[in-house]
Protein backbone atom coordinates (compact mmCIF):
# COMPACT_ATOMS: atom_id res chain seq x y z
CA MET A 1 -114.66 -105.82 34.56
CA LEU A 2 -111.44 -104.22 35.82
CA SER A 3 -109.55 -104.67 32.59
CA THR A 4 -107.26 -101.68 33.14
CA VAL A 5 -105.58 -103.39 36.10
CA SER A 6 -103.34 -106.17 34.83
CA LYS A 7 -101.53 -108.76 36.94
CA TYR A 8 -98.33 -108.03 35.03
CA GLU A 9 -98.60 -104.35 35.92
CA ILE A 10 -99.04 -105.16 39.62
CA SER A 11 -96.19 -107.65 39.84
CA GLN A 12 -93.80 -105.26 38.08
CA GLU A 13 -94.73 -102.30 40.28
CA LEU A 14 -94.52 -104.34 43.48
CA LEU A 15 -91.02 -105.48 42.45
CA GLU A 16 -90.07 -101.82 42.01
CA ILE A 17 -91.45 -101.04 45.47
CA GLU A 18 -89.45 -103.91 47.01
CA LYS A 19 -86.27 -102.41 45.53
CA LEU A 20 -87.07 -99.08 47.15
CA ASP A 21 -87.60 -100.62 50.60
CA GLN A 22 -84.47 -99.06 52.09
CA GLN A 23 -85.67 -95.59 51.04
CA PHE A 24 -89.04 -95.80 52.84
CA THR A 25 -89.98 -93.42 55.60
CA LYS A 26 -91.10 -94.95 58.91
CA ARG A 27 -94.77 -94.30 58.08
CA GLU A 28 -94.48 -95.86 54.62
CA ARG A 29 -92.76 -98.98 55.97
CA LYS A 30 -95.34 -99.34 58.75
CA VAL A 31 -98.33 -99.13 56.38
CA LEU A 32 -96.80 -101.62 53.91
CA GLU A 33 -95.81 -104.08 56.66
CA ASN A 34 -99.28 -103.91 58.24
CA PHE A 35 -100.85 -104.66 54.87
CA ARG A 36 -98.53 -107.63 54.30
CA LYS A 37 -99.63 -109.12 57.63
CA ILE A 38 -103.27 -109.30 56.51
CA LYS A 39 -104.27 -112.65 55.00
CA LYS A 40 -106.03 -112.53 51.63
CA ARG A 41 -109.03 -114.34 53.07
CA ASN A 42 -109.53 -111.37 55.41
CA TYR A 43 -109.44 -108.67 52.70
CA SER A 44 -113.23 -108.48 52.62
CA LYS A 45 -113.36 -107.77 56.37
CA LYS A 46 -110.43 -105.37 56.39
CA TYR A 47 -110.68 -103.43 53.10
CA LYS A 48 -112.00 -100.19 54.68
CA GLU A 49 -109.33 -100.31 57.36
CA ILE A 50 -106.65 -100.80 54.69
CA VAL A 51 -107.95 -97.81 52.69
CA GLU A 52 -108.03 -95.59 55.79
CA ASN A 53 -104.49 -96.60 56.82
CA ASN A 54 -103.25 -95.55 53.38
CA ARG A 55 -104.30 -91.96 54.08
CA GLU A 56 -101.45 -91.63 56.57
CA ILE A 57 -98.81 -91.85 53.82
CA PHE A 58 -100.35 -89.86 50.94
CA GLU A 59 -98.07 -86.91 51.60
CA GLU A 60 -94.97 -89.13 51.99
CA PRO A 61 -92.41 -89.43 49.11
CA GLN A 62 -93.47 -92.95 47.99
CA GLY A 63 -96.95 -92.79 49.55
CA LEU A 64 -99.02 -92.52 46.40
CA LYS A 65 -97.15 -95.35 44.69
CA ILE A 66 -97.42 -97.68 47.68
CA GLY A 67 -101.08 -96.79 48.26
CA SER A 68 -102.17 -97.35 44.66
CA ASN A 69 -100.45 -100.74 44.47
CA ILE A 70 -102.02 -101.90 47.73
CA LEU A 71 -105.45 -100.96 46.39
CA LYS A 72 -104.82 -102.68 43.04
CA GLU A 73 -103.75 -105.84 44.89
CA LEU A 74 -107.03 -105.75 46.84
CA ILE A 75 -109.00 -105.60 43.58
CA LEU A 76 -106.99 -108.36 41.88
CA SER A 77 -107.33 -110.70 44.86
CA LYS A 78 -110.96 -111.44 43.84
CA LYS A 79 -111.82 -111.59 47.55
CA LEU A 80 -114.10 -108.53 47.42
CA ASN A 81 -117.69 -108.38 46.23
CA ASN A 82 -118.88 -105.81 43.67
CA ARG A 83 -119.78 -103.18 46.26
CA GLU A 84 -116.44 -103.58 48.04
CA ASN A 85 -114.55 -103.46 44.74
CA LEU A 86 -116.33 -100.21 43.87
CA TYR A 87 -115.31 -98.68 47.21
CA VAL A 88 -111.65 -99.57 46.63
CA LEU A 89 -111.73 -98.52 42.97
CA CYS A 90 -113.07 -95.11 44.03
CA ARG A 91 -109.98 -94.58 46.20
CA LEU A 92 -107.74 -95.88 43.45
CA VAL A 93 -109.16 -93.31 41.02
CA ALA A 94 -108.36 -90.58 43.57
CA LEU A 95 -104.76 -91.78 43.74
CA LYS A 96 -104.47 -92.04 39.97
CA SER A 97 -105.54 -88.41 39.68
CA ARG A 98 -102.12 -87.69 41.20
CA GLY A 99 -100.33 -90.16 38.93
CA LYS A 100 -97.83 -89.75 36.11
CA ASN A 101 -100.35 -89.58 33.30
CA ILE A 102 -103.83 -88.22 32.96
CA ILE A 103 -105.03 -90.72 30.38
CA GLU A 104 -104.47 -93.66 32.75
CA GLY A 105 -106.40 -91.82 35.43
CA ILE A 106 -109.28 -91.14 33.04
CA LYS A 107 -109.39 -94.83 32.12
CA TYR A 108 -109.72 -95.86 35.76
CA ASN A 109 -112.33 -93.17 36.29
CA LEU A 110 -114.42 -94.33 33.34
CA GLU A 111 -114.15 -97.91 34.52
CA TYR A 112 -115.48 -96.75 37.88
CA ILE A 113 -118.42 -95.01 36.15
CA GLN A 114 -119.19 -98.16 34.17
CA PHE A 115 -119.08 -100.24 37.34
CA ALA A 116 -121.40 -97.78 39.11
CA LYS A 117 -123.87 -97.95 36.20
CA CYS A 118 -123.85 -101.76 36.31
CA LEU A 119 -124.68 -101.63 40.03
CA GLU A 120 -127.29 -98.91 39.37
CA SER A 121 -125.72 -96.72 42.05
CA GLU A 122 -126.67 -93.06 41.53
CA GLU A 123 -124.38 -92.05 44.37
CA ASP A 124 -121.31 -93.71 42.87
CA LEU A 125 -122.19 -92.47 39.39
CA ALA A 126 -122.18 -88.90 40.74
CA ARG A 127 -118.84 -89.52 42.43
CA GLY A 128 -117.43 -90.80 39.14
CA LYS A 129 -118.63 -87.69 37.32
CA VAL A 130 -116.92 -85.46 39.87
CA GLY A 131 -113.72 -87.45 39.29
CA LEU A 132 -113.98 -87.03 35.52
CA ALA A 133 -114.60 -83.30 35.91
CA ASN A 134 -111.44 -83.17 38.03
CA PHE A 135 -109.38 -84.71 35.21
CA ILE A 136 -110.90 -82.32 32.66
CA GLY A 137 -109.99 -79.42 34.96
CA HIS A 138 -106.40 -80.73 35.12
CA LEU A 139 -106.31 -80.42 31.34
CA GLY A 140 -107.37 -76.78 31.53
CA GLY A 141 -111.02 -77.38 30.63
CA TYR A 142 -112.46 -75.43 33.56
CA VAL A 143 -115.63 -74.33 31.77
CA GLU A 144 -116.29 -77.85 30.46
CA ALA A 145 -115.65 -79.38 33.89
CA ASN A 146 -118.06 -76.93 35.50
CA GLU A 147 -120.89 -78.08 33.24
CA ILE A 148 -120.59 -81.55 34.78
CA LEU A 149 -120.13 -80.26 38.34
CA LEU A 150 -123.11 -77.89 38.20
CA GLU A 151 -125.37 -80.78 37.26
CA ILE A 152 -124.39 -82.52 40.52
CA ALA A 153 -124.48 -79.31 42.56
CA LYS A 154 -128.11 -78.68 41.56
CA THR A 155 -129.31 -82.16 42.56
CA THR A 156 -131.47 -82.11 45.72
CA LYS A 157 -132.76 -85.69 45.47
CA TYR A 158 -130.42 -87.16 48.10
CA GLU A 159 -130.08 -84.26 50.57
CA ASN A 160 -130.58 -86.59 53.57
CA ASN A 161 -127.83 -88.97 52.47
CA ASN A 162 -124.55 -87.84 54.07
CA ASN A 163 -122.45 -89.83 51.58
CA TYR A 164 -124.14 -88.00 48.71
CA VAL A 165 -123.70 -84.68 50.53
CA LYS A 166 -119.96 -85.41 50.70
CA ILE A 167 -119.98 -85.87 46.91
CA LYS A 168 -121.75 -82.51 46.53
CA LEU A 169 -119.08 -80.94 48.74
CA LEU A 170 -116.40 -82.29 46.40
CA ALA A 171 -118.31 -80.84 43.43
CA TYR A 172 -118.59 -77.46 45.20
CA LEU A 173 -114.87 -77.55 46.01
CA LYS A 174 -113.89 -78.17 42.39
CA LEU A 175 -116.29 -75.41 41.26
CA VAL A 176 -114.55 -72.98 43.63
CA GLU A 177 -111.14 -74.01 42.31
CA ASN A 178 -112.23 -73.70 38.68
CA TYR A 179 -113.94 -70.33 39.15
CA ILE A 180 -110.77 -68.99 40.79
CA HIS A 181 -108.82 -70.11 37.70
CA LEU A 182 -111.42 -68.36 35.54
CA ASN A 183 -111.15 -65.21 37.72
CA GLU A 184 -114.85 -65.36 38.58
CA ASP A 185 -114.42 -64.55 42.28
CA ARG A 186 -118.11 -63.87 42.98
CA LYS A 187 -119.11 -67.37 41.82
CA ALA A 188 -116.21 -68.90 43.75
CA LYS A 189 -117.38 -67.19 46.97
CA PHE A 190 -120.96 -68.35 46.34
CA PHE A 191 -119.88 -72.01 46.35
CA ILE A 192 -117.61 -71.50 49.37
CA ASN A 193 -120.77 -70.42 51.22
CA ARG A 194 -122.55 -73.54 49.99
CA ILE A 195 -119.73 -75.70 51.37
CA GLN A 196 -119.94 -73.99 54.75
CA ASN A 197 -123.69 -74.68 54.92
CA TYR A 198 -122.99 -78.45 54.87
CA MET A 199 -119.78 -78.56 56.93
CA ASP A 200 -121.42 -79.45 60.26
CA ARG A 201 -122.73 -82.72 58.77
CA MET A 202 -119.19 -84.04 58.33
CA ASP A 203 -116.92 -85.59 60.99
CA LYS A 204 -114.38 -83.35 62.73
CA GLU A 205 -111.28 -84.56 60.83
CA TYR A 206 -112.99 -84.13 57.46
CA GLN A 207 -114.18 -80.63 58.46
CA GLU A 208 -110.64 -79.61 59.43
CA ASP A 209 -109.18 -80.92 56.17
CA LEU A 210 -111.83 -79.13 54.14
CA SER A 211 -111.37 -75.92 56.16
CA ILE A 212 -107.67 -75.80 55.25
CA LEU A 213 -108.56 -75.79 51.56
CA ILE A 214 -111.44 -73.32 51.95
CA ASN A 215 -109.35 -70.81 53.88
CA THR A 216 -106.48 -71.17 51.40
CA MET A 217 -108.88 -70.55 48.50
CA CYS A 218 -110.44 -67.58 50.32
CA GLY A 219 -106.92 -66.22 50.76
CA GLU A 220 -106.32 -66.49 47.02
CA ILE A 221 -109.62 -64.74 46.24
CA TYR A 222 -108.86 -61.85 48.61
CA ILE A 223 -105.36 -61.52 47.16
CA ASP A 224 -106.90 -61.15 43.70
CA LEU A 225 -109.27 -58.54 45.16
CA ASN A 226 -106.27 -56.68 46.72
CA ASP A 227 -107.70 -57.11 50.23
CA SER A 228 -104.49 -57.92 52.11
CA GLU A 229 -106.10 -57.93 55.57
CA LYS A 230 -108.77 -60.54 54.76
CA ALA A 231 -106.29 -62.57 52.72
CA LEU A 232 -103.83 -62.75 55.62
CA SER A 233 -106.59 -63.67 58.09
CA ALA A 234 -107.78 -66.56 55.90
CA LEU A 235 -104.23 -67.86 55.34
CA GLU A 236 -103.43 -67.73 59.06
CA LYS A 237 -106.53 -69.84 59.79
CA ALA A 238 -105.41 -72.35 57.15
CA LYS A 239 -101.90 -72.49 58.64
CA GLU A 240 -103.23 -73.05 62.18
CA LEU A 241 -105.31 -76.03 61.02
CA LEU A 242 -102.52 -77.37 58.81
CA ASP A 243 -100.07 -77.50 61.71
CA LYS A 244 -102.30 -79.86 63.70
CA ASN A 245 -103.75 -81.82 60.77
CA GLY A 246 -103.39 -85.61 60.61
CA LYS A 247 -105.11 -87.74 57.97
CA ALA A 248 -105.11 -86.61 54.36
CA TYR A 249 -108.64 -86.54 52.93
CA PHE A 250 -107.45 -84.04 50.33
CA PHE A 251 -104.08 -84.18 48.58
CA SER A 252 -101.53 -81.38 48.48
CA LYS A 253 -103.09 -79.10 51.10
CA GLU A 254 -99.64 -78.03 52.25
CA MET A 255 -98.45 -77.41 48.69
CA HIS A 256 -101.55 -75.35 47.93
CA TYR A 257 -101.14 -73.31 51.13
CA ASN A 258 -97.42 -72.64 50.51
CA LEU A 259 -98.04 -71.46 46.95
CA ILE A 260 -100.83 -69.08 47.95
CA ARG A 261 -98.86 -67.77 50.95
CA GLU A 262 -96.01 -66.87 48.62
CA TYR A 263 -98.55 -65.36 46.22
CA TYR A 264 -99.61 -63.14 49.15
CA ASN A 265 -95.99 -62.19 49.81
CA LEU A 266 -95.49 -61.40 46.12
CA LYS A 267 -98.41 -58.97 46.17
CA PHE A 268 -98.14 -57.43 49.65
CA SER A 269 -94.82 -58.31 51.33
CA LEU A 270 -92.09 -58.84 48.76
CA LYS A 271 -89.29 -58.89 51.37
CA ASP A 272 -90.85 -62.05 52.87
CA PHE A 273 -91.14 -63.88 49.55
CA SER A 274 -89.24 -67.18 49.61
CA GLU A 275 -87.74 -68.30 46.32
CA GLU A 276 -86.55 -71.45 48.13
CA ILE A 277 -90.09 -72.47 49.15
CA MET A 278 -91.40 -71.84 45.64
CA LEU A 279 -88.65 -73.96 44.04
CA LYS A 280 -89.35 -76.75 46.53
CA GLU A 281 -93.10 -76.75 45.74
CA ILE A 282 -92.44 -76.61 42.00
CA ASP A 283 -90.21 -79.69 42.41
CA ARG A 284 -93.04 -81.48 44.27
CA ALA A 285 -95.52 -80.55 41.56
CA LYS A 286 -93.02 -81.78 38.96
CA GLU A 287 -92.60 -85.08 40.83
CA TYR A 288 -96.38 -85.63 40.92
CA ASN A 289 -96.76 -84.32 37.33
CA ASP A 290 -99.43 -82.00 38.69
CA LEU A 291 -100.20 -79.58 35.85
CA ILE A 292 -102.35 -77.24 37.96
CA PHE A 293 -99.84 -76.68 40.77
CA LEU A 294 -96.91 -76.67 38.33
CA SER A 295 -98.59 -73.92 36.33
CA LYS A 296 -99.56 -71.94 39.44
CA GLY A 297 -96.13 -72.28 41.04
CA CYS A 298 -94.17 -71.37 37.91
CA GLY A 299 -96.52 -68.45 37.23
CA ILE A 300 -95.99 -66.98 40.73
CA LEU A 301 -92.22 -67.42 40.60
CA MET A 302 -91.95 -65.96 37.09
CA ASP A 303 -93.94 -62.94 38.29
CA TYR A 304 -91.45 -62.61 41.16
CA TYR A 305 -88.46 -62.72 38.79
CA MET A 306 -90.14 -60.12 36.63
CA LYS A 307 -90.72 -57.86 39.65
CA ILE A 308 -87.06 -58.00 40.68
CA ASN A 309 -85.93 -57.67 37.02
CA ASN A 310 -84.11 -61.02 37.01
CA PHE A 311 -84.84 -61.82 33.36
CA LYS A 312 -82.23 -64.59 33.23
CA LYS A 313 -84.02 -66.67 35.89
CA TYR A 314 -87.38 -65.76 34.37
CA TYR A 315 -86.27 -67.13 31.01
CA GLU A 316 -84.75 -70.28 32.54
CA LEU A 317 -87.91 -71.05 34.53
CA ASN A 318 -90.11 -70.37 31.51
CA ASN A 319 -88.04 -72.81 29.43
CA PHE A 320 -88.25 -75.43 32.20
CA TYR A 321 -92.01 -75.04 32.39
CA ASP A 322 -92.46 -75.34 28.63
CA GLU A 323 -90.26 -78.46 28.50
CA LYS A 324 -92.07 -80.09 31.44
CA ILE A 325 -95.51 -79.44 29.93
CA MET A 326 -94.32 -80.95 26.64
CA GLU A 327 -92.94 -83.99 28.51
CA ILE A 328 -96.21 -84.60 30.38
CA ASN A 329 -98.32 -84.05 27.28
CA SER A 330 -96.06 -86.38 25.29
CA LEU A 331 -96.53 -89.14 27.85
CA ASN A 332 -100.30 -88.70 27.85
CA TYR A 333 -100.54 -88.70 24.05
CA LYS A 334 -98.36 -91.82 23.81
CA ILE A 335 -100.66 -93.65 26.20
CA LEU A 336 -103.71 -92.40 24.32
CA ILE A 337 -102.27 -93.70 21.03
CA TRP A 338 -101.42 -97.04 22.67
CA ASN A 339 -105.04 -97.36 23.79
CA MET A 340 -106.27 -96.57 20.28
CA ILE A 341 -104.02 -99.28 18.80
CA SER A 342 -105.08 -101.74 21.51
CA ALA A 343 -108.74 -101.01 20.81
CA MET A 344 -108.28 -101.67 17.10
CA GLU A 345 -106.36 -104.90 17.69
CA ASN A 346 -109.16 -106.19 19.88
CA ALA A 347 -111.75 -105.37 17.21
CA LEU A 348 -113.52 -102.96 19.53
CA ILE A 349 -113.87 -100.59 16.61
CA VAL A 350 -114.78 -101.89 13.15
CA LYS A 351 -116.20 -98.93 11.27
CA LYS A 352 -115.05 -96.81 8.37
CA ASN A 353 -111.71 -95.00 8.60
CA LYS A 354 -113.29 -91.57 8.62
CA GLU A 355 -115.17 -92.51 11.83
CA LEU A 356 -112.21 -94.18 13.53
CA LEU A 357 -111.02 -91.25 15.63
CA LYS A 358 -114.54 -90.38 16.74
CA ASN A 359 -115.28 -93.95 17.89
CA VAL A 360 -112.00 -94.44 19.74
CA LEU A 361 -112.60 -91.19 21.58
CA LEU A 362 -116.11 -92.27 22.47
CA LEU A 363 -114.70 -95.54 23.75
CA LEU A 364 -112.17 -93.78 25.99
CA PHE A 365 -114.13 -90.73 27.08
CA GLY A 366 -117.78 -91.04 26.15
CA VAL A 367 -119.28 -92.87 29.13
CA GLY A 368 -122.61 -91.49 30.37
CA GLY A 369 -122.74 -88.64 27.90
CA LEU A 370 -119.54 -87.11 29.28
CA SER A 371 -117.59 -86.95 26.02
CA ILE A 372 -117.18 -83.21 26.54
CA GLY A 373 -113.61 -84.00 27.68
CA ILE A 374 -112.71 -84.76 24.07
CA TYR A 375 -112.74 -81.05 23.28
CA VAL A 376 -110.19 -80.29 25.96
CA ILE A 377 -107.72 -83.04 25.09
CA PHE A 378 -107.80 -82.47 21.34
CA LEU A 379 -108.09 -78.68 21.36
CA ASP A 380 -104.74 -78.16 19.62
CA TYR A 381 -105.53 -80.91 17.08
CA LYS A 382 -108.82 -79.26 16.16
CA LYS A 383 -107.21 -75.83 15.86
CA VAL A 384 -104.53 -77.07 13.47
CA LYS A 385 -107.00 -79.16 11.47
CA ASN A 386 -109.31 -76.22 10.88
CA SER A 387 -106.87 -74.57 8.47
CA ALA A 388 -109.40 -72.02 7.20
CA TYR A 389 -108.92 -70.16 10.48
CA ILE A 390 -105.19 -70.77 10.98
CA ASP A 391 -102.34 -68.60 9.70
CA GLU A 392 -100.09 -71.05 7.84
CA LEU A 393 -96.81 -69.40 8.80
CA THR A 394 -97.32 -68.75 12.53
CA LEU A 395 -100.05 -71.36 13.31
CA VAL A 396 -102.03 -68.82 15.36
CA GLY A 397 -105.50 -67.67 14.31
CA ASN A 398 -105.69 -65.65 11.10
CA ARG A 399 -107.65 -62.47 10.36
CA LYS A 400 -110.80 -64.47 9.62
CA ALA A 401 -110.55 -66.22 12.99
CA PHE A 402 -109.95 -62.86 14.68
CA ASN A 403 -113.07 -61.34 13.10
CA GLU A 404 -115.15 -64.33 14.19
CA LYS A 405 -113.76 -64.02 17.73
CA MET A 406 -114.66 -60.33 17.88
CA LYS A 407 -118.26 -61.20 17.02
CA ARG A 408 -118.39 -63.77 19.82
CA VAL A 409 -116.99 -61.48 22.52
CA LYS A 410 -118.73 -58.23 21.57
CA ASP A 411 -121.17 -58.50 24.49
CA LYS A 412 -118.57 -59.75 26.98
CA LYS A 413 -115.94 -58.02 29.06
CA TYR A 414 -112.48 -58.68 27.64
CA SER A 415 -109.10 -57.07 27.01
CA MET A 416 -107.20 -56.79 23.74
CA LEU A 417 -103.49 -56.43 23.06
CA LEU A 418 -102.45 -55.20 19.62
CA PHE A 419 -98.73 -55.29 18.85
CA ASP A 420 -96.26 -55.46 16.00
CA VAL A 421 -92.59 -56.38 15.62
CA ASP A 422 -90.29 -53.38 16.01
CA ASN A 423 -88.17 -52.46 12.96
CA PHE A 424 -89.51 -55.46 11.02
CA LYS A 425 -88.75 -53.95 7.59
CA LYS A 426 -85.15 -53.30 8.66
CA LEU A 427 -84.81 -56.93 9.88
CA ASN A 428 -86.10 -58.14 6.50
CA ASP A 429 -83.79 -55.84 4.55
CA THR A 430 -80.74 -56.70 6.67
CA TYR A 431 -81.07 -60.46 7.11
CA GLY A 432 -83.50 -61.46 4.34
CA HIS A 433 -87.14 -62.48 4.16
CA SER A 434 -86.43 -66.02 5.40
CA PHE A 435 -85.23 -64.51 8.68
CA GLY A 436 -88.35 -62.32 8.76
CA ASP A 437 -90.45 -65.49 8.43
CA GLU A 438 -88.45 -67.09 11.25
CA VAL A 439 -89.21 -64.08 13.45
CA LEU A 440 -92.95 -64.31 12.76
CA LYS A 441 -92.95 -68.08 13.37
CA ASN A 442 -91.30 -67.62 16.76
CA VAL A 443 -93.68 -64.83 17.75
CA GLY A 444 -96.51 -67.22 16.87
CA LYS A 445 -94.88 -69.92 18.99
CA VAL A 446 -94.74 -67.58 22.00
CA LEU A 447 -98.45 -66.79 21.58
CA LEU A 448 -99.36 -70.49 21.29
CA GLU A 449 -97.36 -71.30 24.43
CA SER A 450 -98.99 -68.42 26.30
CA SER A 451 -102.45 -69.70 25.39
CA GLN A 452 -102.00 -73.29 26.62
CA GLY A 453 -104.59 -74.14 29.29
CA THR A 454 -105.90 -70.53 29.35
CA THR A 455 -108.54 -68.32 27.76
CA ILE A 456 -105.83 -66.25 26.03
CA GLU A 457 -105.99 -66.41 22.22
CA GLY A 458 -103.50 -64.97 19.75
CA TYR A 459 -104.06 -63.95 16.11
CA ARG A 460 -101.96 -62.67 13.22
CA VAL A 461 -104.08 -59.82 11.86
CA GLY A 462 -101.74 -58.72 9.06
CA GLY A 463 -98.04 -58.59 8.16
CA GLU A 464 -96.06 -58.35 11.39
CA GLU A 465 -99.12 -57.24 13.41
CA PHE A 466 -100.69 -59.53 16.03
CA ALA A 467 -103.69 -59.32 18.36
CA VAL A 468 -104.29 -61.13 21.63
CA ILE A 469 -107.72 -61.51 23.26
CA PHE A 470 -107.85 -61.98 27.05
CA GLU A 471 -111.13 -63.39 28.40
CA ASN A 472 -111.94 -64.02 32.10
CA LEU A 473 -108.93 -61.97 33.18
CA LYS A 474 -108.90 -58.74 35.15
CA PHE A 475 -107.35 -55.86 33.20
CA GLU A 476 -104.31 -55.79 35.52
CA GLN A 477 -103.70 -59.49 34.86
CA ALA A 478 -104.08 -58.99 31.10
CA ILE A 479 -101.43 -56.25 31.29
CA LEU A 480 -99.13 -58.60 33.19
CA GLU A 481 -99.65 -61.38 30.62
CA SER A 482 -98.90 -58.88 27.85
CA GLU A 483 -95.64 -57.95 29.54
CA LYS A 484 -94.75 -61.64 29.79
CA ILE A 485 -95.29 -62.01 26.04
CA ARG A 486 -93.13 -58.95 25.36
CA ILE A 487 -90.29 -60.22 27.56
CA LYS A 488 -90.45 -63.76 26.14
CA ILE A 489 -90.03 -62.35 22.64
CA GLN A 490 -87.23 -60.03 23.74
CA LEU A 491 -85.34 -62.98 25.28
CA LEU A 492 -85.56 -65.20 22.19
CA LYS A 493 -82.20 -66.27 20.75
CA TRP A 494 -81.47 -65.80 17.03
CA LYS A 495 -78.84 -67.10 14.61
CA TYR A 496 -77.75 -63.50 13.98
CA ASP A 497 -76.44 -61.26 16.73
CA THR A 498 -79.63 -59.26 17.08
CA MET A 499 -82.57 -58.79 19.42
CA VAL A 500 -86.23 -58.77 18.35
CA THR A 501 -88.70 -56.65 20.33
CA ILE A 502 -92.36 -55.72 20.10
CA THR A 503 -94.45 -52.67 20.91
CA GLY A 504 -98.12 -52.90 21.75
CA GLY A 505 -101.21 -51.25 23.13
CA ILE A 506 -103.71 -52.93 25.46
CA SER A 507 -107.19 -51.73 26.36
CA GLN A 508 -110.50 -52.87 27.80
CA GLU A 509 -112.63 -50.23 26.09
CA PRO A 510 -116.16 -51.51 25.33
CA GLU A 511 -116.40 -49.49 22.10
CA GLY A 512 -113.76 -49.02 19.43
CA ILE A 513 -111.27 -51.26 21.22
CA TYR A 514 -109.23 -52.05 18.11
CA GLU A 515 -108.77 -48.37 17.28
CA LYS A 516 -107.91 -47.60 20.92
CA CYS A 517 -105.24 -50.33 20.99
CA ASP A 518 -103.85 -49.08 17.68
CA GLN A 519 -103.51 -45.54 19.10
CA LEU A 520 -101.73 -46.88 22.20
CA LEU A 521 -99.40 -48.96 20.01
CA TYR A 522 -98.26 -45.85 18.13
CA THR A 523 -97.87 -43.99 21.42
CA GLY A 524 -95.47 -46.77 22.42
CA LYS A 525 -93.57 -46.40 19.15
CA ASN A 526 -93.16 -42.68 19.74
CA GLN A 527 -91.92 -43.31 23.30
CA GLY A 528 -89.03 -45.50 22.11
CA LYS A 529 -90.54 -48.93 21.25
CA ASN A 530 -90.15 -52.25 23.14
CA ARG A 531 -93.00 -51.51 25.53
CA ILE A 532 -96.68 -52.18 26.24
CA ILE A 533 -98.88 -49.10 26.71
CA PHE A 534 -102.22 -49.52 28.43
CA GLY A 535 -105.23 -47.27 28.64
């Protein structure tokens, strides 16, 4: 059943761990030594104790690696029954959600769901769905993840089962996190209240761990709402609990708190902002390959550099972030391709070529009707493939795609940025049309990078003119994102000794928004160019 865990993989990883023995912290060494003392014949009696002991090292440097290998050794020992294996596999999935690649984590998660279905365990099936939604959220598919989570949140069938209630709490927690990312603060607060209604049914340590996250998230919500007093109160409560907290039921509480505390300082107390803390947390996120915290941390620090007008550091951090995202995505895609090849070699898929991609995806992601994750992982692939809506030169949406988008958002609240390249005709005349094409390609690249994992979408609407649609963002945030785009383009390096800038207008007018943005754009031109005018 547990085909994703190979004996070769375990032996190799355990050898690596042995080599690192001198680098262990005291806690890590203690947990590993205690596990080694347990005889295999006693694994069935001790498996819960082993899992609980692992919690003590999850925040340690090698903790996740040691913990996941201990759990995999338990599974491979064949000393556990199906129910015990499922318990251990559940914890392994949680660890793999913090691992070096998302695809591997998804594979373990789907194996867990399959196992739960074989045992006809509704409780474990729900837990597996929450785990899958978590992975989809890590890929930026917050809306898609919420569709899965809301299904679990609405279930009232097992209200008297505390284990199932704990699963609902996890679903609520992820909904809060996702709605914060989507800037839907009212919905986020609604599910925070739902969590608090169930808190007293959990043990004290679990309550404290959960309270740290809730107060940190409340702090983030109040920061977004510009309520500094309530934000500070929530963050102080989180800090008080964090200082006395022991076991780790939830990963990265400290990292989350530190990022949001510096976000508070960025907004309300700039003199207290710590660049050192932010760089440290970004390094931790980089080490764990955590896309969510990496994105959040880099975003906060880039905003700080922009506030203090340190464009050099802003550009360097932006380049680092882009390179790291490409590195993580490259690893995930390589593993995905390896799985596709493996599936074909094992004759798991034997249909026509035109159905090959569909079937491999269903194999990897389609358990229990949850193939919605396909959309998130192959979003870029689908965009490029659908060439009727893609501008061939810049690879952003073309005018046709823009018109379709305007139809879809006409009844929604959104912001639009309309901009063009300053002095584009002069650039063409001076350096040639091939350089003009290079400029447009690089502007398109900036827009594509800005849209990764967000609801920001860029379009080339004609010549050197571009439009950007911002959904699920407050107007102030849309302005800030527009400024980021402007600065990224200004800082681009060219083969000729020149600088390329843009001028744009951004508005949130419900009627005549295109015309309003166009007017603001020309106001910017008249004021000297290289600026974003809002109104």
